[in-house]
Amino acid sequence: MGRLFDGPWPIVIIIVVALLLFAAPKLPAMARSLGQSMRIIKSEVKEMKNDGKTDTTDASGPVEGTIVNHPKAKPGEPTDGTDVPPSNRA
């Protein structure tokens, strides 16, 4: 009788059977919650690794102060150099 708990496998099997019997309706929700938590942790770790690095993917230089893609400008229309669409000007 004392040989039942000699190894870890009988205890693991008893715990798995008890979980399946008593917590079966809650298992999908617990698995979904665990997956969401792992995704959040993974993204936070990736963000922490990239936190001190600068983005060097765009080698064309800064684009501050220039109009890259005017939101309302159509090809062929003259622009007066402002970055505000014509319908929103005061």
Protein backbone atom coordinates (compact mmCIF):
# COMPACT_ATOMS: atom_id res chain seq x y z
CA MET A 1 0.00 0.00 0.00
CA GLY A 2 2.88 2.37 0.70
CA ARG A 3 4.30 1.87 -2.81
CA LEU A 4 1.56 4.00 -4.42
CA PHE A 5 3.29 7.29 -3.66
CA ASP A 6 6.90 6.16 -4.16
CA GLY A 7 7.24 7.85 -7.55
CA PRO A 8 5.88 11.10 -8.96
CA TRP A 9 3.80 9.51 -11.75
CA PRO A 10 0.91 8.16 -9.67
CA ILE A 11 0.49 11.56 -8.03
CA VAL A 12 0.54 13.31 -11.40
CA ILE A 13 -2.09 10.92 -12.78
CA ILE A 14 -4.34 11.46 -9.76
CA ILE A 15 -4.06 15.25 -10.13
CA VAL A 16 -4.85 15.10 -13.87
CA VAL A 17 -7.90 12.88 -13.27
CA ALA A 18 -9.14 15.20 -10.50
CA LEU A 19 -8.73 18.23 -12.79
CA LEU A 20 -10.64 16.54 -15.58
CA LEU A 21 -13.47 15.52 -13.25
CA PHE A 22 -13.95 18.72 -11.30
CA ALA A 23 -12.62 21.52 -13.54
CA ALA A 24 -13.56 20.31 -17.03
CA PRO A 25 -16.01 23.15 -17.79
CA LYS A 26 -13.45 25.79 -16.81
CA LEU A 27 -10.47 24.31 -18.73
CA PRO A 28 -11.08 26.15 -22.05
CA ALA A 29 -11.33 29.51 -20.31
CA MET A 30 -8.21 28.81 -18.27
CA ALA A 31 -6.28 27.77 -21.39
CA ARG A 32 -7.43 30.91 -23.25
CA SER A 33 -6.38 33.10 -20.32
CA LEU A 34 -3.00 31.37 -20.14
CA GLY A 35 -2.46 31.89 -23.88
CA GLN A 36 -3.30 35.59 -23.65
CA SER A 37 -0.96 36.00 -20.69
CA MET A 38 1.88 34.27 -22.56
CA ARG A 39 1.32 36.52 -25.62
CA ILE A 40 1.43 39.63 -23.42
CA ILE A 41 4.60 38.48 -21.67
CA LYS A 42 6.25 37.63 -25.00
CA SER A 43 5.44 41.04 -26.49
CA GLU A 44 6.65 42.86 -23.36
CA VAL A 45 9.94 40.93 -23.37
CA LYS A 46 10.44 41.75 -27.06
CA GLU A 47 9.68 45.41 -26.37
CA MET A 48 12.14 45.46 -23.47
CA LYS A 49 14.87 44.02 -25.72
CA ASN A 50 14.24 46.69 -28.36
CA ASP A 51 13.77 49.50 -25.83
CA GLY A 52 17.25 51.01 -26.04
CA LYS A 53 17.80 50.45 -29.75
CA THR A 54 17.06 53.04 -32.39
CA ASP A 55 15.21 52.19 -35.59
CA THR A 56 17.77 52.22 -38.40
CA THR A 57 15.57 50.62 -41.04
CA ASP A 58 14.90 53.90 -42.89
CA ALA A 59 18.19 55.26 -44.21
CA SER A 60 16.64 58.18 -46.12
CA GLY A 61 16.89 60.52 -43.15
CA PRO A 62 14.28 62.37 -41.12
CA VAL A 63 11.09 63.58 -42.79
CA GLU A 64 10.09 66.11 -40.16
CA GLY A 65 8.68 69.30 -41.60
CA THR A 66 8.09 67.94 -45.09
CA ILE A 67 4.89 66.76 -46.71
CA VAL A 68 5.35 63.12 -47.61
CA ASN A 69 1.84 62.14 -48.66
CA HIS A 70 -0.69 64.93 -48.63
CA PRO A 71 -4.00 63.46 -47.42
CA LYS A 72 -6.30 65.34 -49.84
CA ALA A 73 -3.96 66.28 -52.67
CA LYS A 74 -4.84 64.74 -55.98
CA PRO A 75 -2.25 64.31 -58.72
CA GLY A 76 -2.14 67.38 -60.92
CA GLU A 77 -3.66 69.79 -58.38
CA PRO A 78 -1.47 72.71 -57.34
CA THR A 79 -0.53 72.82 -53.69
CA ASP A 80 0.18 76.03 -51.83
CA GLY A 81 2.75 74.49 -49.47
CA THR A 82 0.54 73.96 -46.44
CA ASP A 83 0.07 70.59 -44.84
CA VAL A 84 -3.57 71.22 -43.88
CA PRO A 85 -6.16 69.75 -46.24
CA PRO A 86 -8.18 72.41 -48.12
CA SER A 87 -11.47 71.54 -46.40
CA ASN A 88 -10.02 72.20 -42.92
CA ARG A 89 -8.33 75.57 -43.49
CA ALA A 90 -9.56 78.59 -41.52
